[in-house]
Protein backbone atom coordinates (compact mmCIF):
# COMPACT_ATOMS: atom_id res chain seq x y z
CA MET A 1 55.76 -46.56 39.93
CA ALA A 2 57.98 -46.12 42.99
CA SER A 3 57.13 -43.53 45.60
CA MET A 4 58.87 -40.17 45.39
CA ARG A 5 58.44 -39.71 49.14
CA LEU A 6 61.18 -40.75 51.56
CA GLN A 7 60.35 -42.02 55.06
CA PHE A 8 62.55 -42.91 58.02
CA ARG A 9 61.43 -45.43 60.65
CA PHE A 10 63.42 -45.60 63.86
CA SER A 11 63.48 -48.73 65.98
CA PHE A 12 65.67 -49.65 68.89
CA PRO A 13 65.68 -53.42 69.24
CA PRO A 14 68.87 -55.23 70.23
CA ILE A 15 70.11 -55.19 66.63
CA TYR A 16 72.14 -52.49 64.93
CA GLY A 17 72.10 -51.20 61.39
CA ILE A 18 70.31 -49.37 58.63
CA TYR A 19 68.08 -51.02 56.08
CA ASP A 20 66.97 -49.26 52.90
CA THR A 21 63.98 -50.97 51.32
CA GLY A 22 64.63 -49.25 47.99
CA ASP A 23 61.01 -48.10 48.03
CA GLY A 24 61.50 -44.89 49.99
CA VAL A 25 61.44 -46.39 53.50
CA ILE A 26 64.66 -46.46 55.49
CA TYR A 27 64.76 -48.29 58.82
CA VAL A 28 67.31 -47.12 61.40
CA PHE A 29 67.95 -49.73 64.10
CA GLY A 30 69.82 -49.12 67.32
CA GLU A 31 72.10 -46.29 68.37
CA HIS A 32 74.84 -45.00 66.07
CA GLU A 33 78.29 -43.68 66.96
CA ASP A 34 78.17 -41.08 64.21
CA LYS A 35 75.88 -38.12 64.43
CA ILE A 36 72.41 -39.23 63.44
CA GLU A 37 72.29 -36.25 61.06
CA ASP A 38 75.23 -37.73 59.13
CA VAL A 39 73.51 -41.11 58.95
CA LEU A 40 70.29 -39.52 57.67
CA SER A 41 72.15 -37.37 55.11
CA HIS A 42 74.01 -40.42 53.81
CA GLU A 43 70.79 -42.40 53.37
CA VAL A 44 69.00 -39.47 51.70
CA LEU A 45 71.91 -39.20 49.26
CA HIS A 46 71.55 -42.91 48.45
CA TRP A 47 67.83 -42.44 47.84
CA ALA A 48 68.35 -39.38 45.59
CA VAL A 49 71.05 -41.09 43.52
CA GLN A 50 68.89 -44.20 43.15
CA LYS A 51 65.99 -42.08 41.90
CA THR A 52 68.15 -40.26 39.34
CA ALA A 53 70.82 -42.79 38.33
CA GLY A 54 69.56 -46.20 39.47
CA LYS A 55 70.25 -48.78 42.15
CA HIS A 56 73.75 -49.70 40.93
CA ALA A 57 74.93 -46.08 41.11
CA SER A 58 73.42 -45.74 44.57
CA LEU A 59 75.22 -48.85 45.84
CA ASP A 60 78.50 -47.53 44.40
CA LEU A 61 78.33 -44.59 46.83
CA ASP A 62 79.60 -46.87 49.58
CA ASN A 63 82.62 -47.83 47.47
CA VAL A 64 84.01 -44.41 46.56
CA PRO A 65 87.85 -44.48 46.75
CA SER A 66 89.14 -42.52 49.74
CA LYS A 67 91.22 -40.23 47.49
CA PHE A 68 87.93 -38.71 46.28
CA LEU A 69 86.56 -38.07 49.77
CA ARG A 70 87.05 -34.86 51.72
CA VAL A 71 87.97 -35.46 55.33
């Protein structure tokens, strides 16, 4: 059974990006232009959707048409 606990691990090597293991551990590499709070909120949303609706639904969050987004 997958863990219900979410963890963030921050690392600042010369690479950039975010990696979600799918097991409740999210690695944040490098510095981000956006507010780090926005990055964390986005990843927590992915994790919550994956727990409730599955991996496919979670991945679809990054492909929401712009007409459905509030700016």
